[in-house]
Amino acid sequence: MAGFFVGKEVKMKNYGNYDEKRKEQQCKNEQNAGGFRCSHCKQWIVINEFMGTANRNHCNLCLWSKHVDEKKGDRKATCQAGMNPIGLTFKHEGYGKQGELMLIHVCSVCDKISINRIAGDDFTDRITEVFEQSKNLYNELKNRLLAEDIHLLVESDRQELYIQLFGK
């Protein structure tokens, strides 16, 4: 399968028929341990209420996520694969109001698209890299995002992106 970005290849993993109970136990073990190991960069990611990350499922270093939700917050996904950060969007706030900055992820195994809140300890350099790389997404993926009512940030959103990341 070709990558999401023009001229880039993304390595795909085949997890096959993975033991569902084993995955559930792994998730429970990670929650009990106060974090999880990033499937992409292999760093230990802390989850705790003091960090404001009680529901975190993405790495603050590389921004890859873990496919844990079928529907937002349900933690019922059986896939459990890594999710590639492919772009940024703003949360829908209604009345034309600009919402908070969100990461757009695509699962490296099943291609599910999801959005996640940016956490306060996410690396801003990596966030801006994701923004720059998203300009090279294939049109097919851009169209999928629009079909799911996810509006990818574009160059005209740069100023608001920087305000949300760095203040005025």
N, C-alpha and C. Protein backbone atom coordinates (compact mmCIF):
# COMPACT_ATOMS: atom_id res chain seq x y z
N MET A 1 0.85 -1.19 0.00
CA MET A 1 0.00 0.00 0.00
C MET A 1 0.88 1.23 0.00
N ALA A 2 0.54 2.20 -0.83
CA ALA A 2 1.31 3.44 -0.89
C ALA A 2 1.10 4.26 0.37
N GLY A 3 2.03 5.16 0.62
CA GLY A 3 1.94 6.01 1.80
C GLY A 3 0.90 7.10 1.63
N PHE A 4 0.73 7.90 2.67
CA PHE A 4 -0.26 8.97 2.67
C PHE A 4 0.27 10.23 2.02
N PHE A 5 1.60 10.36 1.97
CA PHE A 5 2.22 11.57 1.48
C PHE A 5 2.82 11.31 0.12
N VAL A 6 2.82 12.32 -0.73
CA VAL A 6 3.39 12.21 -2.06
C VAL A 6 4.86 11.84 -1.92
N GLY A 7 5.28 10.79 -2.60
CA GLY A 7 6.68 10.40 -2.59
C GLY A 7 7.14 9.70 -1.32
N LYS A 8 6.26 9.38 -0.42
CA LYS A 8 6.62 8.71 0.83
C LYS A 8 5.97 7.34 0.86
N GLU A 9 6.67 6.39 1.44
CA GLU A 9 6.10 5.06 1.66
C GLU A 9 5.91 4.88 3.16
N VAL A 10 4.84 4.25 3.54
CA VAL A 10 4.55 3.97 4.94
C VAL A 10 4.60 2.46 5.12
N LYS A 11 5.40 2.00 6.08
CA LYS A 11 5.47 0.56 6.34
C LYS A 11 4.17 0.12 6.99
N MET A 12 3.60 -0.93 6.47
CA MET A 12 2.35 -1.46 6.99
C MET A 12 2.65 -2.76 7.74
N LYS A 13 2.00 -2.96 8.85
CA LYS A 13 2.16 -4.18 9.62
C LYS A 13 0.89 -5.00 9.48
N ASN A 14 1.05 -6.30 9.44
CA ASN A 14 -0.10 -7.19 9.41
C ASN A 14 -0.17 -7.88 10.77
N TYR A 15 -1.15 -7.52 11.55
CA TYR A 15 -1.29 -8.07 12.87
C TYR A 15 -2.08 -9.39 12.88
N GLY A 16 -2.66 -9.72 11.75
CA GLY A 16 -3.38 -10.98 11.62
C GLY A 16 -4.44 -11.17 12.69
N ASN A 17 -4.73 -12.41 13.04
CA ASN A 17 -5.73 -12.73 14.06
C ASN A 17 -5.05 -12.71 15.43
N TYR A 18 -4.98 -11.55 15.98
CA TYR A 18 -4.33 -11.32 17.27
C TYR A 18 -5.27 -11.71 18.40
N ASP A 19 -4.75 -12.30 19.45
CA ASP A 19 -5.57 -12.72 20.56
C ASP A 19 -6.19 -11.50 21.25
N GLU A 20 -7.51 -11.36 21.14
CA GLU A 20 -8.23 -10.20 21.66
C GLU A 20 -8.07 -10.04 23.18
N LYS A 21 -8.11 -11.13 23.90
CA LYS A 21 -7.96 -11.07 25.35
C LYS A 21 -6.57 -10.58 25.73
N ARG A 22 -5.57 -10.98 24.99
CA ARG A 22 -4.20 -10.53 25.25
C ARG A 22 -4.08 -9.02 25.07
N LYS A 23 -4.71 -8.48 24.04
CA LYS A 23 -4.69 -7.04 23.80
C LYS A 23 -5.40 -6.29 24.92
N GLU A 24 -6.54 -6.81 25.35
CA GLU A 24 -7.28 -6.17 26.45
C GLU A 24 -6.43 -6.15 27.71
N GLN A 25 -5.75 -7.26 27.99
CA GLN A 25 -4.90 -7.34 29.18
C GLN A 25 -3.73 -6.36 29.06
N GLN A 26 -3.18 -6.24 27.88
CA GLN A 26 -2.07 -5.30 27.68
C GLN A 26 -2.53 -3.87 27.96
N CYS A 27 -3.71 -3.51 27.49
CA CYS A 27 -4.25 -2.17 27.75
C CYS A 27 -4.43 -1.93 29.25
N LYS A 28 -4.98 -2.92 29.94
CA LYS A 28 -5.18 -2.80 31.39
C LYS A 28 -3.84 -2.67 32.10
N ASN A 29 -2.85 -3.45 31.67
CA ASN A 29 -1.52 -3.37 32.27
C ASN A 29 -0.91 -2.00 32.09
N GLU A 30 -1.06 -1.43 30.89
CA GLU A 30 -0.51 -0.10 30.63
C GLU A 30 -1.21 0.95 31.48
N GLN A 31 -2.52 0.87 31.58
CA GLN A 31 -3.26 1.83 32.41
C GLN A 31 -2.83 1.72 33.87
N ASN A 32 -2.68 0.49 34.36
CA ASN A 32 -2.24 0.28 35.74
C ASN A 32 -0.81 0.77 35.95
N ALA A 33 0.01 0.71 34.91
CA ALA A 33 1.41 1.14 35.02
C ALA A 33 1.54 2.65 34.86
N GLY A 34 0.46 3.35 34.52
CA GLY A 34 0.49 4.80 34.39
C GLY A 34 0.99 5.30 33.05
N GLY A 35 0.87 4.47 32.03
CA GLY A 35 1.31 4.92 30.71
C GLY A 35 1.30 3.80 29.69
N PHE A 36 1.95 4.05 28.58
CA PHE A 36 2.05 3.05 27.52
C PHE A 36 3.33 3.27 26.73
N ARG A 37 3.76 2.23 26.04
CA ARG A 37 4.92 2.30 25.17
C ARG A 37 4.44 2.69 23.78
N CYS A 38 5.02 3.74 23.23
CA CYS A 38 4.64 4.20 21.88
C CYS A 38 4.97 3.11 20.86
N SER A 39 4.01 2.79 20.01
CA SER A 39 4.20 1.75 19.00
C SER A 39 5.16 2.21 17.90
N HIS A 40 5.40 3.50 17.81
CA HIS A 40 6.26 4.02 16.75
C HIS A 40 7.69 4.29 17.22
N CYS A 41 7.85 5.16 18.23
CA CYS A 41 9.21 5.54 18.68
C CYS A 41 9.67 4.75 19.89
N LYS A 42 8.79 3.93 20.47
CA LYS A 42 9.08 3.02 21.59
C LYS A 42 9.36 3.72 22.92
N GLN A 43 9.11 5.01 23.03
CA GLN A 43 9.29 5.71 24.30
C GLN A 43 8.12 5.42 25.23
N TRP A 44 8.38 5.48 26.54
CA TRP A 44 7.32 5.30 27.53
C TRP A 44 6.58 6.62 27.67
N ILE A 45 5.26 6.61 27.53
CA ILE A 45 4.44 7.81 27.59
C ILE A 45 3.61 7.77 28.86
N VAL A 46 3.77 8.79 29.68
CA VAL A 46 3.09 8.86 30.97
C VAL A 46 1.64 9.28 30.79
N ILE A 47 0.76 8.60 31.51
CA ILE A 47 -0.65 8.97 31.57
C ILE A 47 -0.98 9.18 33.05
N ASN A 48 -1.35 10.39 33.39
CA ASN A 48 -1.82 10.63 34.75
C ASN A 48 -2.59 11.94 34.81
N GLU A 49 -3.43 12.06 35.82
CA GLU A 49 -4.29 13.24 35.94
C GLU A 49 -3.50 14.52 36.19
N PHE A 50 -2.32 14.41 36.81
CA PHE A 50 -1.51 15.58 37.11
C PHE A 50 -0.92 16.21 35.85
N MET A 51 -0.70 15.37 34.83
CA MET A 51 -0.19 15.85 33.54
C MET A 51 -1.33 16.34 32.66
N GLY A 52 -2.57 16.13 33.09
CA GLY A 52 -3.71 16.50 32.26
C GLY A 52 -3.91 15.55 31.10
N THR A 53 -3.42 14.33 31.24
CA THR A 53 -3.46 13.37 30.14
C THR A 53 -4.14 12.07 30.54
N ALA A 54 -5.16 12.13 31.34
CA ALA A 54 -5.80 10.92 31.86
C ALA A 54 -6.36 10.02 30.75
N ASN A 55 -6.68 10.58 29.59
CA ASN A 55 -7.23 9.78 28.49
C ASN A 55 -6.33 9.77 27.26
N ARG A 56 -5.07 9.97 27.46
CA ARG A 56 -4.12 10.07 26.34
C ARG A 56 -3.99 8.74 25.60
N ASN A 57 -3.92 8.83 24.27
CA ASN A 57 -3.59 7.65 23.47
C ASN A 57 -2.59 7.99 22.38
N HIS A 58 -1.93 9.16 22.50
CA HIS A 58 -0.87 9.47 21.54
C HIS A 58 0.41 9.89 22.25
N CYS A 59 1.52 9.70 21.56
CA CYS A 59 2.85 9.99 22.08
C CYS A 59 3.11 11.49 21.99
N ASN A 60 3.63 12.07 23.06
CA ASN A 60 3.92 13.50 23.03
C ASN A 60 5.20 13.80 22.26
N LEU A 61 5.99 12.80 21.93
CA LEU A 61 7.25 13.01 21.21
C LEU A 61 7.08 12.92 19.70
N CYS A 62 6.56 11.79 19.22
CA CYS A 62 6.41 11.60 17.77
C CYS A 62 4.99 11.84 17.29
N LEU A 63 4.04 11.94 18.22
CA LEU A 63 2.62 12.21 17.97
C LEU A 63 1.85 11.03 17.38
N TRP A 64 2.49 9.87 17.24
CA TRP A 64 1.75 8.69 16.81
C TRP A 64 0.76 8.32 17.90
N SER A 65 -0.37 7.76 17.49
CA SER A 65 -1.40 7.37 18.41
C SER A 65 -1.53 5.85 18.40
N LYS A 66 -2.37 5.35 19.27
CA LYS A 66 -2.68 3.93 19.32
C LYS A 66 -4.16 3.78 19.03
N HIS A 67 -4.51 2.88 18.14
CA HIS A 67 -5.91 2.69 17.75
C HIS A 67 -6.64 1.95 18.87
N VAL A 68 -7.21 2.72 19.78
CA VAL A 68 -7.91 2.14 20.93
C VAL A 68 -9.42 2.37 20.89
N ASP A 69 -9.89 3.33 20.12
CA ASP A 69 -11.31 3.67 20.08
C ASP A 69 -11.95 3.32 18.75
N GLU A 70 -13.14 2.71 18.81
CA GLU A 70 -13.97 2.58 17.62
C GLU A 70 -14.78 3.87 17.46
N LYS A 71 -15.40 4.29 18.56
CA LYS A 71 -16.09 5.57 18.64
C LYS A 71 -15.35 6.38 19.69
N LYS A 72 -15.39 7.67 19.58
CA LYS A 72 -14.62 8.54 20.46
C LYS A 72 -14.77 8.15 21.93
N GLY A 73 -13.63 7.78 22.54
CA GLY A 73 -13.57 7.51 23.96
C GLY A 73 -14.06 6.15 24.43
N ASP A 74 -14.46 5.25 23.51
CA ASP A 74 -15.04 3.98 23.97
C ASP A 74 -14.01 2.91 24.34
N ARG A 75 -12.78 3.05 23.88
CA ARG A 75 -11.69 2.10 24.16
C ARG A 75 -12.06 0.67 23.78
N LYS A 76 -12.84 0.50 22.69
CA LYS A 76 -13.31 -0.81 22.27
C LYS A 76 -12.66 -1.31 20.98
N ALA A 77 -11.69 -0.59 20.45
CA ALA A 77 -11.06 -1.04 19.21
C ALA A 77 -10.25 -2.30 19.45
N THR A 78 -10.37 -3.25 18.56
CA THR A 78 -9.58 -4.48 18.66
C THR A 78 -8.30 -4.36 17.84
N CYS A 79 -8.18 -3.38 17.00
CA CYS A 79 -7.03 -3.22 16.12
C CYS A 79 -5.74 -2.99 16.92
N GLN A 80 -5.73 -1.95 17.76
CA GLN A 80 -4.60 -1.62 18.63
C GLN A 80 -3.32 -1.26 17.87
N ALA A 81 -3.39 -1.00 16.59
CA ALA A 81 -2.21 -0.66 15.79
C ALA A 81 -1.81 0.80 15.99
N GLY A 82 -0.67 1.15 15.47
CA GLY A 82 -0.21 2.53 15.50
C GLY A 82 -1.00 3.38 14.52
N MET A 83 -1.19 4.65 14.89
CA MET A 83 -1.91 5.58 14.02
C MET A 83 -0.98 6.75 13.70
N ASN A 84 -0.79 6.97 12.42
CA ASN A 84 0.13 7.98 11.91
C ASN A 84 -0.50 9.37 11.99
N PRO A 85 0.21 10.37 12.55
CA PRO A 85 -0.32 11.74 12.53
C PRO A 85 -0.12 12.33 11.13
N ILE A 86 -1.22 12.63 10.46
CA ILE A 86 -1.12 13.07 9.07
C ILE A 86 -1.47 14.53 8.87
N GLY A 87 -2.05 15.16 9.88
CA GLY A 87 -2.45 16.55 9.70
C GLY A 87 -3.06 17.12 10.97
N LEU A 88 -3.51 18.36 10.84
CA LEU A 88 -4.11 19.09 11.95
C LEU A 88 -5.45 19.64 11.51
N THR A 89 -6.33 19.82 12.47
CA THR A 89 -7.63 20.43 12.23
C THR A 89 -8.00 21.24 13.47
N PHE A 90 -9.09 22.00 13.37
CA PHE A 90 -9.64 22.68 14.53
C PHE A 90 -10.93 21.99 14.92
N LYS A 91 -11.16 21.86 16.20
CA LYS A 91 -12.40 21.28 16.71
C LYS A 91 -13.57 22.16 16.29
N HIS A 92 -14.68 21.54 15.90
CA HIS A 92 -15.89 22.28 15.54
C HIS A 92 -16.48 22.90 16.80
N GLU A 93 -16.64 24.21 16.81
CA GLU A 93 -17.21 24.90 17.97
C GLU A 93 -18.57 25.50 17.67
N GLY A 94 -18.95 25.59 16.42
CA GLY A 94 -20.23 26.18 16.05
C GLY A 94 -20.19 27.70 16.00
N TYR A 95 -21.12 28.30 15.36
CA TYR A 95 -21.25 29.75 15.23
C TYR A 95 -20.00 30.39 14.64
N GLY A 96 -19.22 29.64 13.85
CA GLY A 96 -18.03 30.18 13.22
C GLY A 96 -16.87 30.40 14.16
N LYS A 97 -17.02 29.98 15.41
CA LYS A 97 -15.95 30.15 16.40
C LYS A 97 -14.84 29.14 16.16
N GLN A 98 -13.58 29.60 16.26
CA GLN A 98 -12.43 28.74 16.07
C GLN A 98 -12.23 27.85 17.29
N GLY A 99 -12.14 26.55 17.09
CA GLY A 99 -11.97 25.61 18.19
C GLY A 99 -10.51 25.29 18.44
N GLU A 100 -10.29 24.38 19.39
CA GLU A 100 -8.93 24.01 19.76
C GLU A 100 -8.27 23.17 18.67
N LEU A 101 -6.96 23.15 18.68
CA LEU A 101 -6.16 22.42 17.73
C LEU A 101 -6.25 20.92 17.98
N MET A 102 -6.41 20.13 16.92
CA MET A 102 -6.56 18.69 17.01
C MET A 102 -5.61 18.01 16.02
N LEU A 103 -5.12 16.83 16.40
CA LEU A 103 -4.32 16.00 15.50
C LEU A 103 -5.24 15.07 14.71
N ILE A 104 -4.90 14.86 13.45
CA ILE A 104 -5.62 13.89 12.61
C ILE A 104 -4.71 12.67 12.47
N HIS A 105 -5.24 11.50 12.80
CA HIS A 105 -4.49 10.25 12.71
C HIS A 105 -5.18 9.30 11.74
N VAL A 106 -4.36 8.46 11.08
CA VAL A 106 -4.87 7.37 10.25
C VAL A 106 -4.20 6.09 10.72
N CYS A 107 -5.00 5.06 10.96
CA CYS A 107 -4.48 3.78 11.42
C CYS A 107 -3.60 3.14 10.34
N SER A 108 -2.45 2.64 10.75
CA SER A 108 -1.49 2.03 9.82
C SER A 108 -1.92 0.64 9.36
N VAL A 109 -2.97 0.08 9.97
CA VAL A 109 -3.43 -1.25 9.59
C VAL A 109 -4.80 -1.19 8.91
N CYS A 110 -5.78 -0.55 9.56
CA CYS A 110 -7.15 -0.60 9.03
C CYS A 110 -7.60 0.72 8.39
N ASP A 111 -6.76 1.74 8.36
CA ASP A 111 -7.04 3.04 7.72
C ASP A 111 -8.13 3.87 8.38
N LYS A 112 -8.53 3.53 9.60
CA LYS A 112 -9.51 4.36 10.31
C LYS A 112 -8.92 5.74 10.56
N ILE A 113 -9.73 6.76 10.39
CA ILE A 113 -9.33 8.14 10.65
C ILE A 113 -9.90 8.56 11.99
N SER A 114 -9.10 9.24 12.79
CA SER A 114 -9.61 9.78 14.05
C SER A 114 -8.91 11.11 14.33
N ILE A 115 -9.53 11.89 15.21
CA ILE A 115 -8.90 13.13 15.64
C ILE A 115 -8.72 13.08 17.16
N ASN A 116 -7.64 13.70 17.62
CA ASN A 116 -7.30 13.71 19.04
C ASN A 116 -6.88 15.10 19.46
N ARG A 117 -7.23 15.44 20.68
CA ARG A 117 -6.81 16.73 21.25
C ARG A 117 -5.29 16.75 21.38
N ILE A 118 -4.73 17.91 21.18
CA ILE A 118 -3.31 18.11 21.44
C ILE A 118 -3.15 18.29 22.94
N ALA A 119 -2.13 17.67 23.50
CA ALA A 119 -1.85 17.79 24.93
C ALA A 119 -0.80 18.87 25.17
N GLY A 120 -0.78 19.42 26.36
CA GLY A 120 0.12 20.51 26.69
C GLY A 120 1.59 20.16 26.61
N ASP A 121 1.92 18.86 26.72
CA ASP A 121 3.33 18.47 26.65
C ASP A 121 3.73 17.90 25.29
N ASP A 122 2.85 18.00 24.28
CA ASP A 122 3.20 17.57 22.93
C ASP A 122 4.29 18.49 22.37
N PHE A 123 5.24 17.91 21.67
CA PHE A 123 6.35 18.68 21.11
C PHE A 123 5.84 19.59 19.98
N THR A 124 5.98 20.89 20.18
CA THR A 124 5.47 21.85 19.19
C THR A 124 6.23 21.76 17.86
N ASP A 125 7.52 21.42 17.91
CA ASP A 125 8.26 21.27 16.66
C ASP A 125 7.67 20.15 15.82
N ARG A 126 7.28 19.07 16.46
CA ARG A 126 6.69 17.94 15.74
C ARG A 126 5.30 18.30 15.23
N ILE A 127 4.55 19.09 16.00
CA ILE A 127 3.22 19.54 15.54
C ILE A 127 3.36 20.37 14.27
N THR A 128 4.32 21.28 14.24
CA THR A 128 4.51 22.11 13.04
C THR A 128 5.03 21.27 11.87
N GLU A 129 5.82 20.22 12.15
CA GLU A 129 6.24 19.30 11.08
C GLU A 129 5.04 18.61 10.46
N VAL A 130 4.13 18.14 11.30
CA VAL A 130 2.92 17.48 10.80
C VAL A 130 2.14 18.44 9.91
N PHE A 131 2.03 19.70 10.34
CA PHE A 131 1.34 20.71 9.54
C PHE A 131 2.00 20.85 8.16
N GLU A 132 3.33 20.96 8.13
CA GLU A 132 4.05 21.11 6.86
C GLU A 132 3.89 19.88 5.98
N GLN A 133 4.00 18.69 6.57
CA GLN A 133 3.88 17.45 5.80
C GLN A 133 2.48 17.25 5.25
N SER A 134 1.47 17.77 5.95
CA SER A 134 0.08 17.56 5.51
C SER A 134 -0.21 18.24 4.18
N LYS A 135 0.61 19.18 3.79
CA LYS A 135 0.42 19.86 2.50
C LYS A 135 0.66 18.90 1.34
N ASN A 136 1.33 17.77 1.60
CA ASN A 136 1.66 16.81 0.55
C ASN A 136 0.80 15.55 0.59
N LEU A 137 -0.31 15.59 1.30
CA LEU A 137 -1.21 14.43 1.34
C LEU A 137 -1.80 14.18 -0.05
N TYR A 138 -2.04 12.93 -0.35
CA TYR A 138 -2.72 12.59 -1.59
C TYR A 138 -4.13 13.15 -1.58
N ASN A 139 -4.62 13.51 -2.75
CA ASN A 139 -5.98 14.05 -2.87
C ASN A 139 -7.03 13.06 -2.39
N GLU A 140 -6.80 11.78 -2.61
CA GLU A 140 -7.75 10.75 -2.16
C GLU A 140 -7.95 10.84 -0.64
N LEU A 141 -6.87 11.00 0.10
CA LEU A 141 -6.97 11.10 1.55
C LEU A 141 -7.60 12.43 1.96
N LYS A 142 -7.27 13.50 1.28
CA LYS A 142 -7.91 14.80 1.56
C LYS A 142 -9.41 14.71 1.35
N ASN A 143 -9.83 14.01 0.31
CA ASN A 143 -11.26 13.84 0.05
C ASN A 143 -11.93 12.98 1.13
N ARG A 144 -11.24 11.96 1.62
CA ARG A 144 -11.78 11.15 2.73
C ARG A 144 -11.99 12.00 3.97
N LEU A 145 -11.03 12.88 4.26
CA LEU A 145 -11.16 13.77 5.41
C LEU A 145 -12.39 14.67 5.26
N LEU A 146 -12.55 15.26 4.10
CA LEU A 146 -13.71 16.13 3.85
C LEU A 146 -15.02 15.35 3.97
N ALA A 147 -15.02 14.13 3.48
CA ALA A 147 -16.22 13.30 3.58
C ALA A 147 -16.60 13.02 5.03
N GLU A 148 -15.61 13.01 5.92
CA GLU A 148 -15.86 12.80 7.35
C GLU A 148 -15.98 14.12 8.10
N ASP A 149 -16.11 15.22 7.34
CA ASP A 149 -16.26 16.56 7.90
C ASP A 149 -15.07 16.98 8.77
N ILE A 150 -13.88 16.54 8.35
CA ILE A 150 -12.62 16.94 9.00
C ILE A 150 -11.91 17.88 8.04
N HIS A 151 -11.70 19.11 8.48
CA HIS A 151 -11.12 20.12 7.62
C HIS A 151 -9.64 20.30 7.94
N LEU A 152 -8.81 19.79 7.05
CA LEU A 152 -7.36 19.84 7.19
C LEU A 152 -6.89 21.29 7.20
N LEU A 153 -6.01 21.64 8.14
CA LEU A 153 -5.47 23.00 8.15
C LEU A 153 -4.65 23.23 6.90
N VAL A 154 -4.76 24.44 6.37
CA VAL A 154 -4.03 24.84 5.17
C VAL A 154 -3.21 26.08 5.50
N GLU A 155 -2.47 26.55 4.54
CA GLU A 155 -1.55 27.67 4.76
C GLU A 155 -2.23 28.88 5.38
N SER A 156 -3.46 29.17 4.99
CA SER A 156 -4.16 30.34 5.54
C SER A 156 -4.49 30.18 7.03
N ASP A 157 -4.32 28.95 7.58
CA ASP A 157 -4.54 28.70 9.01
C ASP A 157 -3.27 28.83 9.85
N ARG A 158 -2.14 29.11 9.21
CA ARG A 158 -0.85 29.13 9.89
C ARG A 158 -0.85 30.09 11.08
N GLN A 159 -1.37 31.30 10.91
CA GLN A 159 -1.35 32.28 12.00
C GLN A 159 -2.12 31.76 13.22
N GLU A 160 -3.31 31.21 13.02
CA GLU A 160 -4.09 30.68 14.14
C GLU A 160 -3.39 29.47 14.76
N LEU A 161 -2.75 28.64 13.95
CA LEU A 161 -1.97 27.51 14.46
C LEU A 161 -0.88 28.02 15.42
N TYR A 162 -0.13 29.03 15.00
CA TYR A 162 0.95 29.57 15.83
C TYR A 162 0.41 30.27 17.08
N ILE A 163 -0.73 30.92 16.97
CA ILE A 163 -1.33 31.55 18.15
C ILE A 163 -1.70 30.47 19.16
N GLN A 164 -2.31 29.37 18.68
CA GLN A 164 -2.69 28.31 19.61
C GLN A 164 -1.48 27.60 20.22
N LEU A 165 -0.40 27.48 19.45
CA LEU A 165 0.78 26.81 19.96
C LEU A 165 1.65 27.69 20.85
N PHE A 166 1.82 28.96 20.45
CA PHE A 166 2.81 29.81 21.09
C PHE A 166 2.23 31.08 21.73
N GLY A 167 0.93 31.30 21.59
CA GLY A 167 0.32 32.54 22.09
C GLY A 167 0.54 33.66 21.09
N LYS A 168 0.14 34.88 21.45
CA LYS A 168 0.27 36.00 20.50
C LYS A 168 1.66 36.52 20.40
